[in-house]
Amino acid sequence: MTPLVRFFGEGDQNFALTPETILELERVTDSGIGVLCWRLFKSQFGLADIQHTLRLSLIGGGKDPKQAAELVNAYVGMRPLEESLALAVDVLHQLYFGKVESNESN
């Protein structure tokens, strides 16, 4: 899968969910990937859903786990929640439906 490239934190980051990170995402959210996608697509999410989606997709995109956690911890709470939600939705949209169109405002 081609990573989704979006600005996050310090610059452009690669986001991708691999089979391994999907399994971990399901474990930490206690939800199947379909349920998690539905929750975020319908704005029926918890903050942890966003945080885990972004952290694990940064790892899937090639970030070291510690760096991924530090980025999420530093930047998800510093910006409006809508920005992090939109990014998490883009990550899951790419996984579920395929390539996401570029959005220059992100």
N, C-alpha and C. Protein backbone atom coordinates (compact mmCIF):
# COMPACT_ATOMS: atom_id res chain seq x y z
N MET A 1 0.84 -1.18 0.00
CA MET A 1 0.00 0.00 0.00
C MET A 1 0.88 1.24 0.00
N THR A 2 0.51 2.20 -0.80
CA THR A 2 1.20 3.49 -0.85
C THR A 2 0.82 4.29 0.39
N PRO A 3 1.81 4.80 1.11
CA PRO A 3 1.47 5.59 2.29
C PRO A 3 0.73 6.88 1.93
N LEU A 4 -0.08 7.32 2.84
CA LEU A 4 -0.74 8.61 2.74
C LEU A 4 0.25 9.63 3.32
N VAL A 5 0.53 10.68 2.59
CA VAL A 5 1.48 11.70 3.05
C VAL A 5 0.67 12.94 3.44
N ARG A 6 0.82 13.33 4.71
CA ARG A 6 0.13 14.51 5.23
C ARG A 6 1.06 15.24 6.19
N PHE A 7 0.85 16.56 6.29
CA PHE A 7 1.57 17.33 7.28
C PHE A 7 1.01 17.00 8.65
N PHE A 8 1.90 16.68 9.59
CA PHE A 8 1.50 16.40 10.96
C PHE A 8 2.67 16.70 11.87
N GLY A 9 2.46 17.59 12.81
CA GLY A 9 3.51 17.89 13.78
C GLY A 9 4.62 18.73 13.20
N GLU A 10 5.67 18.06 12.79
CA GLU A 10 6.91 18.73 12.38
C GLU A 10 7.08 18.84 10.87
N GLY A 11 6.21 18.21 10.12
CA GLY A 11 6.35 18.23 8.67
C GLY A 11 5.55 17.12 8.04
N ASP A 12 5.81 16.83 6.78
CA ASP A 12 5.10 15.76 6.10
C ASP A 12 5.47 14.41 6.70
N GLN A 13 4.46 13.60 6.96
CA GLN A 13 4.65 12.28 7.54
C GLN A 13 3.98 11.25 6.64
N ASN A 14 4.50 10.04 6.66
CA ASN A 14 3.88 8.91 5.96
C ASN A 14 2.97 8.18 6.94
N PHE A 15 1.74 7.91 6.51
CA PHE A 15 0.76 7.18 7.30
C PHE A 15 0.31 5.96 6.51
N ALA A 16 0.38 4.79 7.12
CA ALA A 16 -0.09 3.56 6.47
C ALA A 16 -0.45 2.54 7.54
N LEU A 17 -1.53 1.84 7.33
CA LEU A 17 -1.89 0.74 8.21
C LEU A 17 -1.54 -0.57 7.51
N THR A 18 -0.68 -1.31 8.13
CA THR A 18 -0.24 -2.61 7.61
C THR A 18 -1.07 -3.70 8.29
N PRO A 19 -1.02 -4.93 7.79
CA PRO A 19 -1.76 -5.99 8.50
C PRO A 19 -1.40 -6.08 9.98
N GLU A 20 -0.13 -5.90 10.31
CA GLU A 20 0.28 -5.98 11.71
C GLU A 20 -0.26 -4.82 12.54
N THR A 21 -0.21 -3.61 11.98
CA THR A 21 -0.71 -2.47 12.74
C THR A 21 -2.24 -2.47 12.81
N ILE A 22 -2.90 -3.04 11.82
CA ILE A 22 -4.36 -3.18 11.89
C ILE A 22 -4.73 -4.10 13.05
N LEU A 23 -4.04 -5.21 13.17
CA LEU A 23 -4.33 -6.13 14.28
C LEU A 23 -4.10 -5.45 15.63
N GLU A 24 -3.04 -4.66 15.74
CA GLU A 24 -2.78 -3.94 16.99
C GLU A 24 -3.84 -2.87 17.22
N LEU A 25 -4.27 -2.20 16.17
CA LEU A 25 -5.33 -1.20 16.28
C LEU A 25 -6.63 -1.83 16.77
N GLU A 26 -6.95 -3.00 16.24
CA GLU A 26 -8.13 -3.72 16.70
C GLU A 26 -8.00 -4.10 18.17
N ARG A 27 -6.81 -4.51 18.58
CA ARG A 27 -6.60 -4.92 19.97
C ARG A 27 -6.74 -3.73 20.92
N VAL A 28 -6.07 -2.62 20.61
CA VAL A 28 -6.06 -1.49 21.55
C VAL A 28 -7.38 -0.73 21.58
N THR A 29 -8.17 -0.82 20.51
CA THR A 29 -9.48 -0.15 20.49
C THR A 29 -10.60 -1.12 20.84
N ASP A 30 -10.26 -2.39 20.98
CA ASP A 30 -11.24 -3.43 21.28
C ASP A 30 -12.39 -3.42 20.27
N SER A 31 -12.02 -3.21 18.99
CA SER A 31 -12.99 -3.13 17.91
C SER A 31 -12.40 -3.71 16.64
N GLY A 32 -13.23 -4.35 15.86
CA GLY A 32 -12.80 -4.76 14.53
C GLY A 32 -12.56 -3.52 13.68
N ILE A 33 -11.77 -3.66 12.64
CA ILE A 33 -11.42 -2.51 11.81
C ILE A 33 -12.66 -1.90 11.15
N GLY A 34 -13.63 -2.72 10.79
CA GLY A 34 -14.86 -2.19 10.19
C GLY A 34 -15.64 -1.32 11.17
N VAL A 35 -15.72 -1.75 12.40
CA VAL A 35 -16.42 -0.98 13.44
C VAL A 35 -15.67 0.33 13.69
N LEU A 36 -14.35 0.26 13.78
CA LEU A 36 -13.57 1.47 14.01
C LEU A 36 -13.75 2.46 12.85
N CYS A 37 -13.69 1.97 11.62
CA CYS A 37 -13.92 2.85 10.47
C CYS A 37 -15.29 3.51 10.57
N TRP A 38 -16.31 2.72 10.86
CA TRP A 38 -17.66 3.25 10.97
C TRP A 38 -17.72 4.35 12.03
N ARG A 39 -17.10 4.11 13.19
CA ARG A 39 -17.14 5.10 14.28
C ARG A 39 -16.52 6.42 13.83
N LEU A 40 -15.36 6.36 13.22
CA LEU A 40 -14.71 7.60 12.81
C LEU A 40 -15.42 8.26 11.64
N PHE A 41 -15.87 7.46 10.67
CA PHE A 41 -16.57 8.04 9.52
C PHE A 41 -17.86 8.73 9.95
N LYS A 42 -18.50 8.23 11.00
CA LYS A 42 -19.78 8.77 11.48
C LYS A 42 -19.62 9.71 12.67
N SER A 43 -18.38 10.05 13.02
CA SER A 43 -18.08 10.92 14.16
C SER A 43 -18.65 10.38 15.47
N GLN A 44 -18.56 9.07 15.66
CA GLN A 44 -19.00 8.40 16.88
C GLN A 44 -17.78 7.83 17.60
N PHE A 45 -16.71 8.59 17.67
CA PHE A 45 -15.40 8.13 18.10
C PHE A 45 -15.08 8.57 19.52
N GLY A 46 -14.06 7.94 20.08
CA GLY A 46 -13.42 8.41 21.29
C GLY A 46 -12.05 8.97 20.93
N LEU A 47 -11.49 9.78 21.79
CA LEU A 47 -10.17 10.36 21.52
C LEU A 47 -9.13 9.26 21.30
N ALA A 48 -9.21 8.19 22.06
CA ALA A 48 -8.25 7.09 21.90
C ALA A 48 -8.32 6.48 20.50
N ASP A 49 -9.51 6.46 19.88
CA ASP A 49 -9.62 5.95 18.51
C ASP A 49 -8.73 6.75 17.57
N ILE A 50 -8.75 8.07 17.71
CA ILE A 50 -7.93 8.94 16.87
C ILE A 50 -6.45 8.75 17.20
N GLN A 51 -6.12 8.79 18.47
CA GLN A 51 -4.72 8.67 18.88
C GLN A 51 -4.10 7.35 18.42
N HIS A 52 -4.78 6.25 18.64
CA HIS A 52 -4.24 4.95 18.24
C HIS A 52 -4.15 4.82 16.72
N THR A 53 -5.16 5.33 16.00
CA THR A 53 -5.12 5.27 14.54
C THR A 53 -3.92 6.02 14.00
N LEU A 54 -3.69 7.22 14.51
CA LEU A 54 -2.56 8.01 14.02
C LEU A 54 -1.23 7.41 14.43
N ARG A 55 -1.11 6.99 15.69
CA ARG A 55 0.16 6.42 16.16
C ARG A 55 0.52 5.17 15.37
N LEU A 56 -0.42 4.27 15.21
CA LEU A 56 -0.12 3.02 14.51
C LEU A 56 0.08 3.23 13.02
N SER A 57 -0.60 4.20 12.43
CA SER A 57 -0.39 4.46 11.00
C SER A 57 0.94 5.17 10.77
N LEU A 58 1.42 5.95 11.74
CA LEU A 58 2.78 6.49 11.63
C LEU A 58 3.80 5.37 11.68
N ILE A 59 3.59 4.41 12.57
CA ILE A 59 4.49 3.25 12.64
C ILE A 59 4.44 2.47 11.33
N GLY A 60 3.24 2.24 10.82
CA GLY A 60 3.08 1.55 9.53
C GLY A 60 3.71 2.32 8.38
N GLY A 61 3.79 3.64 8.53
CA GLY A 61 4.43 4.48 7.52
C GLY A 61 5.93 4.59 7.66
N GLY A 62 6.49 3.93 8.70
CA GLY A 62 7.94 3.87 8.83
C GLY A 62 8.53 4.57 10.05
N LYS A 63 7.72 5.25 10.86
CA LYS A 63 8.24 5.92 12.06
C LYS A 63 8.56 4.89 13.13
N ASP A 64 9.58 5.19 13.90
CA ASP A 64 9.92 4.42 15.09
C ASP A 64 8.73 4.54 16.06
N PRO A 65 8.36 3.47 16.79
CA PRO A 65 7.22 3.54 17.71
C PRO A 65 7.32 4.67 18.73
N LYS A 66 8.51 4.92 19.24
CA LYS A 66 8.68 6.00 20.23
C LYS A 66 8.41 7.35 19.58
N GLN A 67 8.95 7.57 18.38
CA GLN A 67 8.72 8.83 17.67
C GLN A 67 7.25 9.01 17.36
N ALA A 68 6.59 7.94 16.93
CA ALA A 68 5.15 8.01 16.60
C ALA A 68 4.35 8.42 17.83
N ALA A 69 4.64 7.79 18.97
CA ALA A 69 3.93 8.13 20.21
C ALA A 69 4.20 9.57 20.62
N GLU A 70 5.43 10.02 20.49
CA GLU A 70 5.78 11.39 20.86
C GLU A 70 5.05 12.40 19.97
N LEU A 71 4.97 12.15 18.68
CA LEU A 71 4.25 13.04 17.77
C LEU A 71 2.78 13.13 18.13
N VAL A 72 2.16 11.98 18.34
CA VAL A 72 0.73 11.96 18.68
C VAL A 72 0.50 12.66 20.02
N ASN A 73 1.32 12.34 21.01
CA ASN A 73 1.15 12.97 22.33
C ASN A 73 1.34 14.48 22.27
N ALA A 74 2.26 14.93 21.45
CA ALA A 74 2.55 16.35 21.37
C ALA A 74 1.53 17.13 20.55
N TYR A 75 1.04 16.55 19.46
CA TYR A 75 0.27 17.35 18.51
C TYR A 75 -1.22 17.08 18.46
N VAL A 76 -1.70 15.95 18.88
CA VAL A 76 -3.15 15.72 18.82
C VAL A 76 -3.86 16.67 19.77
N GLY A 77 -3.33 16.88 20.96
CA GLY A 77 -3.97 17.77 21.91
C GLY A 77 -3.72 19.24 21.70
N MET A 78 -2.73 19.57 20.88
CA MET A 78 -2.36 20.98 20.68
C MET A 78 -3.18 21.68 19.61
N ARG A 79 -3.84 20.92 18.79
CA ARG A 79 -4.60 21.48 17.66
C ARG A 79 -6.08 21.12 17.84
N PRO A 80 -6.97 21.80 17.12
CA PRO A 80 -8.38 21.45 17.21
C PRO A 80 -8.60 19.97 16.87
N LEU A 81 -9.48 19.34 17.59
CA LEU A 81 -9.76 17.92 17.42
C LEU A 81 -10.15 17.58 15.98
N GLU A 82 -10.84 18.48 15.31
CA GLU A 82 -11.27 18.25 13.92
C GLU A 82 -10.09 17.94 13.01
N GLU A 83 -8.95 18.59 13.24
CA GLU A 83 -7.78 18.34 12.40
C GLU A 83 -7.28 16.91 12.55
N SER A 84 -7.20 16.44 13.78
CA SER A 84 -6.74 15.07 14.02
C SER A 84 -7.77 14.06 13.52
N LEU A 85 -9.05 14.37 13.73
CA LEU A 85 -10.12 13.49 13.23
C LEU A 85 -10.04 13.38 11.71
N ALA A 86 -9.90 14.51 11.03
CA ALA A 86 -9.85 14.49 9.56
C ALA A 86 -8.68 13.64 9.06
N LEU A 87 -7.54 13.74 9.73
CA LEU A 87 -6.38 12.96 9.35
C LEU A 87 -6.63 11.47 9.59
N ALA A 88 -7.17 11.12 10.75
CA ALA A 88 -7.46 9.72 11.04
C ALA A 88 -8.48 9.15 10.05
N VAL A 89 -9.47 9.95 9.69
CA VAL A 89 -10.46 9.51 8.70
C VAL A 89 -9.79 9.28 7.34
N ASP A 90 -8.88 10.18 6.95
CA ASP A 90 -8.16 9.98 5.68
C ASP A 90 -7.35 8.68 5.70
N VAL A 91 -6.70 8.40 6.82
CA VAL A 91 -5.92 7.16 6.95
C VAL A 91 -6.83 5.95 6.77
N LEU A 92 -7.95 5.95 7.47
CA LEU A 92 -8.87 4.81 7.39
C LEU A 92 -9.57 4.75 6.05
N HIS A 93 -9.87 5.90 5.46
CA HIS A 93 -10.50 5.95 4.13
C HIS A 93 -9.58 5.30 3.10
N GLN A 94 -8.29 5.64 3.18
CA GLN A 94 -7.34 5.04 2.24
C GLN A 94 -7.28 3.52 2.41
N LEU A 95 -7.27 3.08 3.66
CA LEU A 95 -7.24 1.65 3.93
C LEU A 95 -8.50 0.97 3.39
N TYR A 96 -9.64 1.56 3.63
CA TYR A 96 -10.93 0.94 3.33
C TYR A 96 -11.31 1.05 1.85
N PHE A 97 -11.08 2.22 1.25
CA PHE A 97 -11.55 2.49 -0.11
C PHE A 97 -10.44 2.61 -1.14
N GLY A 98 -9.20 2.79 -0.70
CA GLY A 98 -8.11 3.01 -1.64
C GLY A 98 -7.61 4.44 -1.55
N LYS A 99 -6.89 4.86 -2.56
CA LYS A 99 -6.19 6.15 -2.55
C LYS A 99 -7.12 7.31 -2.21
N VAL A 100 -6.62 8.19 -1.34
CA VAL A 100 -7.31 9.41 -0.95
C VAL A 100 -6.78 10.56 -1.80
N GLU A 101 -7.66 11.39 -2.27
CA GLU A 101 -7.25 12.55 -3.06
C GLU A 101 -6.43 13.49 -2.19
N SER A 102 -5.46 14.14 -2.80
CA SER A 102 -4.62 15.11 -2.08
C SER A 102 -5.48 16.29 -1.65
N ASN A 103 -5.22 16.75 -0.43
CA ASN A 103 -5.93 17.90 0.11
C ASN A 103 -4.87 18.88 0.61
N GLU A 104 -4.63 19.92 -0.13
CA GLU A 104 -3.55 20.86 0.17
C GLU A 104 -3.75 21.60 1.47
N SER A 105 -4.98 21.65 2.01
CA SER A 105 -5.21 22.37 3.24
C SER A 105 -4.79 21.58 4.46
N ASN A 106 -4.49 20.29 4.34
CA ASN A 106 -4.04 19.47 5.48
C ASN A 106 -2.58 19.64 5.72
